[in-house]
N, C-alpha and C. Protein backbone atom coordinates (compact mmCIF):
# COMPACT_ATOMS: atom_id res chain seq x y z
N THR A 1 -2.92 -15.40 -5.21
CA THR A 1 -3.38 -13.93 -4.79
C THR A 1 -4.59 -13.98 -4.26
N ILE A 2 -4.88 -13.28 -3.14
CA ILE A 2 -6.30 -12.96 -2.79
C ILE A 2 -6.59 -11.62 -3.21
N HIS A 3 -7.78 -11.44 -4.26
CA HIS A 3 -8.10 -10.10 -4.72
C HIS A 3 -9.18 -9.69 -3.80
N ILE A 4 -9.14 -8.42 -3.31
CA ILE A 4 -10.15 -7.83 -2.47
C ILE A 4 -10.78 -6.68 -3.28
N LYS A 5 -12.11 -6.92 -3.56
CA LYS A 5 -12.66 -6.00 -4.10
C LYS A 5 -14.07 -5.05 -3.46
N ARG A 6 -13.91 -5.16 -2.16
CA ARG A 6 -14.88 -4.69 -1.35
C ARG A 6 -14.79 -3.08 -1.26
N ASP A 7 -15.93 -2.59 -0.62
CA ASP A 7 -15.77 -1.17 -0.11
C ASP A 7 -14.77 -0.84 0.60
N SER A 8 -14.87 -1.56 1.76
CA SER A 8 -13.78 -1.54 3.04
C SER A 8 -13.74 -2.80 3.57
N LEU A 9 -12.83 -3.25 4.00
CA LEU A 9 -12.40 -4.48 4.89
C LEU A 9 -11.35 -4.40 5.74
N PHE A 10 -11.68 -5.17 7.09
CA PHE A 10 -10.61 -5.18 8.13
C PHE A 10 -10.54 -6.63 8.50
N ILE A 11 -9.18 -7.03 8.48
CA ILE A 11 -8.95 -8.33 8.59
C ILE A 11 -8.27 -8.30 10.11
N ILE A 12 -8.61 -9.16 10.98
CA ILE A 12 -8.00 -9.52 12.16
C ILE A 12 -7.40 -10.74 12.29
N ALA A 13 -6.25 -11.12 12.04
CA ALA A 13 -5.86 -12.40 11.64
C ALA A 13 -5.14 -13.09 12.87
N LYS A 14 -5.00 -12.39 13.93
CA LYS A 14 -4.65 -13.13 15.27
C LYS A 14 -3.05 -13.86 15.18
N GLY A 15 -2.34 -13.38 14.33
CA GLY A 15 -0.91 -13.95 14.17
C GLY A 15 -0.85 -14.98 12.97
N MET A 16 -1.95 -15.00 12.23
CA MET A 16 -1.99 -15.79 11.15
C MET A 16 -0.73 -15.81 10.11
N VAL A 17 0.03 -16.82 9.51
CA VAL A 17 0.97 -16.50 8.64
C VAL A 17 0.27 -17.03 7.14
N LEU A 18 0.47 -16.11 6.14
CA LEU A 18 0.43 -16.34 4.90
C LEU A 18 1.66 -16.86 4.03
N GLN A 19 2.15 -17.93 3.68
CA GLN A 19 3.28 -18.64 3.40
C GLN A 19 3.15 -18.78 1.72
N ALA A 20 4.09 -18.26 1.09
CA ALA A 20 4.11 -18.12 -0.42
C ALA A 20 4.52 -19.73 -0.96
N ASP A 21 3.96 -20.11 -1.98
CA ASP A 21 4.68 -21.53 -2.41
C ASP A 21 5.87 -21.23 -3.09
N SER A 22 6.71 -21.86 -3.17
CA SER A 22 8.22 -21.79 -3.56
C SER A 22 8.15 -21.49 -5.05
N ASN A 23 6.96 -21.89 -5.96
CA ASN A 23 6.99 -21.31 -7.40
C ASN A 23 6.25 -20.05 -7.73
N TYR A 24 5.60 -19.69 -6.71
CA TYR A 24 4.63 -18.26 -6.66
C TYR A 24 5.44 -17.26 -6.72
N ARG A 25 5.17 -16.23 -7.43
CA ARG A 25 6.06 -14.86 -7.60
C ARG A 25 5.09 -13.73 -7.59
N GLY A 26 3.95 -13.85 -7.30
CA GLY A 26 2.99 -12.61 -7.27
C GLY A 26 2.87 -12.03 -5.87
N ALA A 27 1.84 -11.13 -5.81
CA ALA A 27 1.41 -10.67 -4.49
C ALA A 27 0.67 -11.44 -3.65
N ALA A 28 0.60 -11.36 -2.49
CA ALA A 28 -0.20 -12.29 -1.39
C ALA A 28 -1.63 -11.66 -1.61
N LEU A 29 -1.68 -10.16 -1.37
CA LEU A 29 -2.84 -9.66 -1.36
C LEU A 29 -2.89 -8.50 -2.43
N THR A 30 -3.94 -8.52 -3.37
CA THR A 30 -4.23 -7.38 -4.27
C THR A 30 -5.40 -6.65 -3.99
N ILE A 31 -5.45 -5.42 -3.59
CA ILE A 31 -6.59 -4.45 -3.11
C ILE A 31 -7.01 -3.60 -4.42
N ASP A 32 -8.12 -3.83 -4.73
CA ASP A 32 -8.78 -3.23 -5.93
C ASP A 32 -8.83 -1.66 -5.55
N ALA A 33 -8.78 -0.89 -6.88
CA ALA A 33 -8.84 0.61 -6.71
C ALA A 33 -10.19 1.11 -6.15
N LYS A 34 -11.21 0.41 -6.19
CA LYS A 34 -12.50 0.66 -5.88
C LYS A 34 -12.48 0.74 -4.23
N ASN A 35 -11.61 0.02 -3.63
CA ASN A 35 -11.66 -0.30 -2.06
C ASN A 35 -11.22 1.24 -1.48
N LYS A 36 -11.96 1.58 -0.60
CA LYS A 36 -11.51 2.98 -0.02
C LYS A 36 -10.63 2.99 1.28
N ILE A 37 -10.97 1.68 1.90
CA ILE A 37 -9.84 1.51 3.04
C ILE A 37 -9.78 0.08 3.33
N THR A 38 -8.62 -0.58 3.62
CA THR A 38 -8.45 -1.84 4.24
C THR A 38 -7.40 -1.72 5.39
N GLY A 39 -7.87 -2.35 6.50
CA GLY A 39 -7.11 -2.59 7.48
C GLY A 39 -6.66 -3.93 8.09
N ILE A 40 -5.51 -4.21 8.17
CA ILE A 40 -5.03 -5.47 8.55
C ILE A 40 -4.33 -5.61 10.01
N ASP A 41 -4.49 -6.32 10.73
CA ASP A 41 -4.08 -6.62 11.96
C ASP A 41 -3.64 -7.95 12.30
N SER A 42 -2.20 -8.29 12.70
CA SER A 42 -1.63 -9.20 13.00
C SER A 42 -1.61 -10.40 12.12
N LEU A 43 -1.09 -10.05 11.00
CA LEU A 43 -0.94 -11.09 9.91
C LEU A 43 0.59 -11.04 9.46
N GLN A 44 1.17 -12.17 9.07
CA GLN A 44 2.44 -12.30 8.72
C GLN A 44 2.48 -12.93 7.25
N PHE A 45 3.28 -12.00 6.55
CA PHE A 45 3.38 -12.55 5.05
C PHE A 45 4.86 -13.14 4.81
N LYS A 46 4.99 -14.35 4.42
CA LYS A 46 6.26 -14.97 4.38
C LYS A 46 6.51 -15.39 3.11
N GLY A 47 7.72 -14.88 2.30
CA GLY A 47 8.24 -15.50 1.10
C GLY A 47 7.60 -15.01 -0.32
N PHE A 48 6.79 -13.94 -0.25
CA PHE A 48 6.30 -13.33 -1.23
C PHE A 48 7.09 -12.36 -1.88
N SER A 49 7.13 -12.34 -3.48
CA SER A 49 7.79 -11.17 -3.99
C SER A 49 7.04 -9.73 -3.49
N VAL A 50 5.66 -9.88 -3.56
CA VAL A 50 5.13 -8.49 -2.96
C VAL A 50 4.05 -8.93 -2.07
N GLY A 51 4.23 -8.42 -0.93
CA GLY A 51 3.36 -8.90 0.16
C GLY A 51 1.77 -8.31 0.01
N ILE A 52 1.58 -7.05 -0.37
CA ILE A 52 0.38 -6.24 -0.55
C ILE A 52 0.53 -5.47 -1.77
N SER A 53 -0.52 -5.47 -2.73
CA SER A 53 -0.44 -4.52 -3.66
C SER A 53 -1.66 -3.85 -3.82
N VAL A 54 -1.72 -2.43 -3.59
CA VAL A 54 -2.73 -1.52 -3.65
C VAL A 54 -2.77 -0.69 -4.57
N SER A 55 -4.09 -0.13 -4.85
CA SER A 55 -4.24 0.71 -6.08
C SER A 55 -5.12 1.93 -5.60
N ASN A 56 -4.64 3.31 -5.31
CA ASN A 56 -5.54 4.32 -5.00
C ASN A 56 -6.34 3.99 -3.85
N THR A 57 -5.91 3.37 -3.00
CA THR A 57 -6.66 3.10 -1.71
C THR A 57 -5.79 3.45 -0.41
N GLN A 58 -6.58 3.47 0.68
CA GLN A 58 -5.89 3.72 1.99
C GLN A 58 -5.60 2.36 2.50
N LEU A 59 -4.57 2.12 3.21
CA LEU A 59 -4.19 0.73 3.86
C LEU A 59 -3.72 1.05 5.30
N LEU A 60 -4.24 0.33 6.29
CA LEU A 60 -3.83 0.64 7.84
C LEU A 60 -3.26 -0.80 8.23
N LEU A 61 -2.06 -0.82 8.70
CA LEU A 61 -1.64 -2.10 9.05
C LEU A 61 -1.07 -1.77 10.58
N LYS A 62 -1.30 -2.87 11.35
CA LYS A 62 -1.18 -2.96 12.66
C LYS A 62 -0.58 -4.46 13.05
N GLY A 63 0.72 -4.55 13.48
CA GLY A 63 1.38 -5.65 13.76
C GLY A 63 1.40 -6.73 12.77
N VAL A 64 1.68 -6.11 11.42
CA VAL A 64 1.82 -6.97 10.47
C VAL A 64 3.21 -7.05 10.02
N ASN A 65 3.85 -8.10 9.86
CA ASN A 65 5.34 -8.63 9.56
C ASN A 65 5.45 -9.19 8.22
N PHE A 66 6.42 -8.58 7.46
CA PHE A 66 6.70 -9.10 5.98
C PHE A 66 8.11 -9.90 6.14
N ILE A 67 8.05 -11.30 5.90
CA ILE A 67 9.24 -12.03 6.14
C ILE A 67 9.78 -12.50 4.93
N ASP A 68 10.86 -12.05 4.45
CA ASP A 68 11.44 -12.61 3.02
C ASP A 68 10.59 -11.95 2.17
N CYS A 69 10.03 -10.92 2.12
CA CYS A 69 9.26 -10.41 0.96
C CYS A 69 9.99 -9.41 0.17
N SER A 70 10.27 -9.51 -1.12
CA SER A 70 11.07 -8.55 -1.64
C SER A 70 10.64 -7.00 -1.65
N LEU A 71 9.28 -7.12 -1.76
CA LEU A 71 8.62 -5.59 -1.76
C LEU A 71 7.36 -5.86 -0.74
N PRO A 72 7.36 -5.18 0.44
CA PRO A 72 6.40 -5.64 1.41
C PRO A 72 4.97 -4.83 0.87
N VAL A 73 5.06 -3.41 0.52
CA VAL A 73 3.80 -2.89 -0.25
C VAL A 73 4.05 -2.21 -1.36
N GLN A 74 3.30 -2.50 -2.26
CA GLN A 74 3.32 -1.84 -3.73
C GLN A 74 2.15 -0.89 -3.78
N ASN A 75 2.50 0.46 -4.14
CA ASN A 75 1.31 1.28 -4.16
C ASN A 75 1.51 1.71 -5.82
N ASN A 76 0.10 1.50 -6.38
CA ASN A 76 0.01 1.62 -7.89
C ASN A 76 -1.10 2.88 -7.72
N TYR A 77 -0.44 4.12 -8.48
CA TYR A 77 -1.46 5.19 -8.53
C TYR A 77 -1.92 5.36 -9.82
N PHE A 78 -3.14 5.52 -10.09
CA PHE A 78 -3.71 5.76 -11.44
C PHE A 78 -4.25 7.18 -11.57
N PHE A 79 -3.57 7.89 -12.62
CA PHE A 79 -4.14 9.31 -12.70
C PHE A 79 -5.13 9.38 -13.87
N LYS A 80 -5.63 10.64 -13.82
CA LYS A 80 -6.59 10.74 -14.87
C LYS A 80 -6.62 10.53 -16.30
N ASN A 81 -5.30 10.39 -16.58
CA ASN A 81 -5.02 10.34 -17.96
C ASN A 81 -4.51 8.51 -18.19
N GLN A 82 -4.83 7.92 -17.15
CA GLN A 82 -4.67 6.42 -17.07
C GLN A 82 -3.04 6.09 -17.09
N ILE A 83 -2.26 6.95 -16.54
CA ILE A 83 -0.75 6.52 -16.41
C ILE A 83 -0.60 5.81 -15.19
N LEU A 84 0.08 4.74 -15.09
CA LEU A 84 0.24 3.94 -13.80
C LEU A 84 1.62 4.28 -13.19
N ILE A 85 1.46 4.79 -11.90
CA ILE A 85 2.74 5.16 -11.12
C ILE A 85 2.80 4.04 -10.13
N THR A 86 3.88 3.43 -9.98
CA THR A 86 4.39 2.50 -8.83
C THR A 86 5.39 3.13 -7.82
N VAL A 87 5.03 2.91 -6.59
CA VAL A 87 5.89 3.71 -5.54
C VAL A 87 6.55 2.59 -4.72
N ASP A 88 7.85 2.88 -4.59
CA ASP A 88 8.96 2.14 -3.81
C ASP A 88 8.58 2.53 -2.41
N LEU A 89 8.43 1.82 -1.39
CA LEU A 89 8.38 2.26 0.04
C LEU A 89 9.78 1.89 0.70
N LYS A 90 10.07 2.77 1.51
CA LYS A 90 11.30 2.50 2.41
C LYS A 90 11.03 1.30 3.51
N THR A 91 11.71 0.48 3.84
CA THR A 91 11.45 -0.55 4.81
C THR A 91 11.85 0.11 6.16
N SER A 92 11.39 -0.59 7.37
CA SER A 92 11.84 0.03 8.41
C SER A 92 13.16 0.35 8.86
N SER A 93 13.86 -0.34 8.31
CA SER A 93 15.43 -0.29 8.36
C SER A 93 16.12 1.04 7.69
N GLY A 94 15.30 1.62 6.79
CA GLY A 94 15.70 2.89 5.77
C GLY A 94 15.96 2.15 4.51
N ASN A 95 16.21 0.98 4.41
CA ASN A 95 16.66 0.42 2.80
C ASN A 95 15.47 0.45 2.03
N SER A 96 15.77 0.68 0.97
CA SER A 96 14.85 0.63 -0.20
C SER A 96 14.63 -0.75 -0.84
N SER A 97 13.35 -1.29 -0.78
CA SER A 97 13.11 -2.55 -1.46
C SER A 97 12.73 -2.40 -3.04
N LYS A 98 13.43 -2.91 -3.83
CA LYS A 98 12.99 -3.12 -5.26
C LYS A 98 12.39 -4.23 -5.86
N PRO A 99 11.48 -4.10 -6.42
CA PRO A 99 10.99 -5.36 -7.15
C PRO A 99 11.67 -6.14 -8.04
N ALA A 100 11.37 -7.45 -8.30
CA ALA A 100 12.34 -8.17 -9.34
C ALA A 100 11.86 -7.62 -10.57
N GLN A 101 12.67 -7.48 -11.50
CA GLN A 101 12.61 -7.05 -13.09
C GLN A 101 12.44 -8.10 -13.91
């Protein structure tokens, strides 16, 4: 997992592929709640259970592909009373992707 703890970050990957190890089951990128905005351009995530995990932050994706990822983007929302809410996003095909239990 790559942990991002910067105020803002823009990644221009030019088609780079992040490939998961066959034994790894975590997120490829974890973006900290202190981050205000992250932009990712032309990056491929392949074989991850979670492509990108974000917490209370803005995520901009352009030309990003998720290949064989169980959950492309996981949104974790923290409310004032410290309750964690995880949101399941619909894929472009309209099918819901569920994380492994």
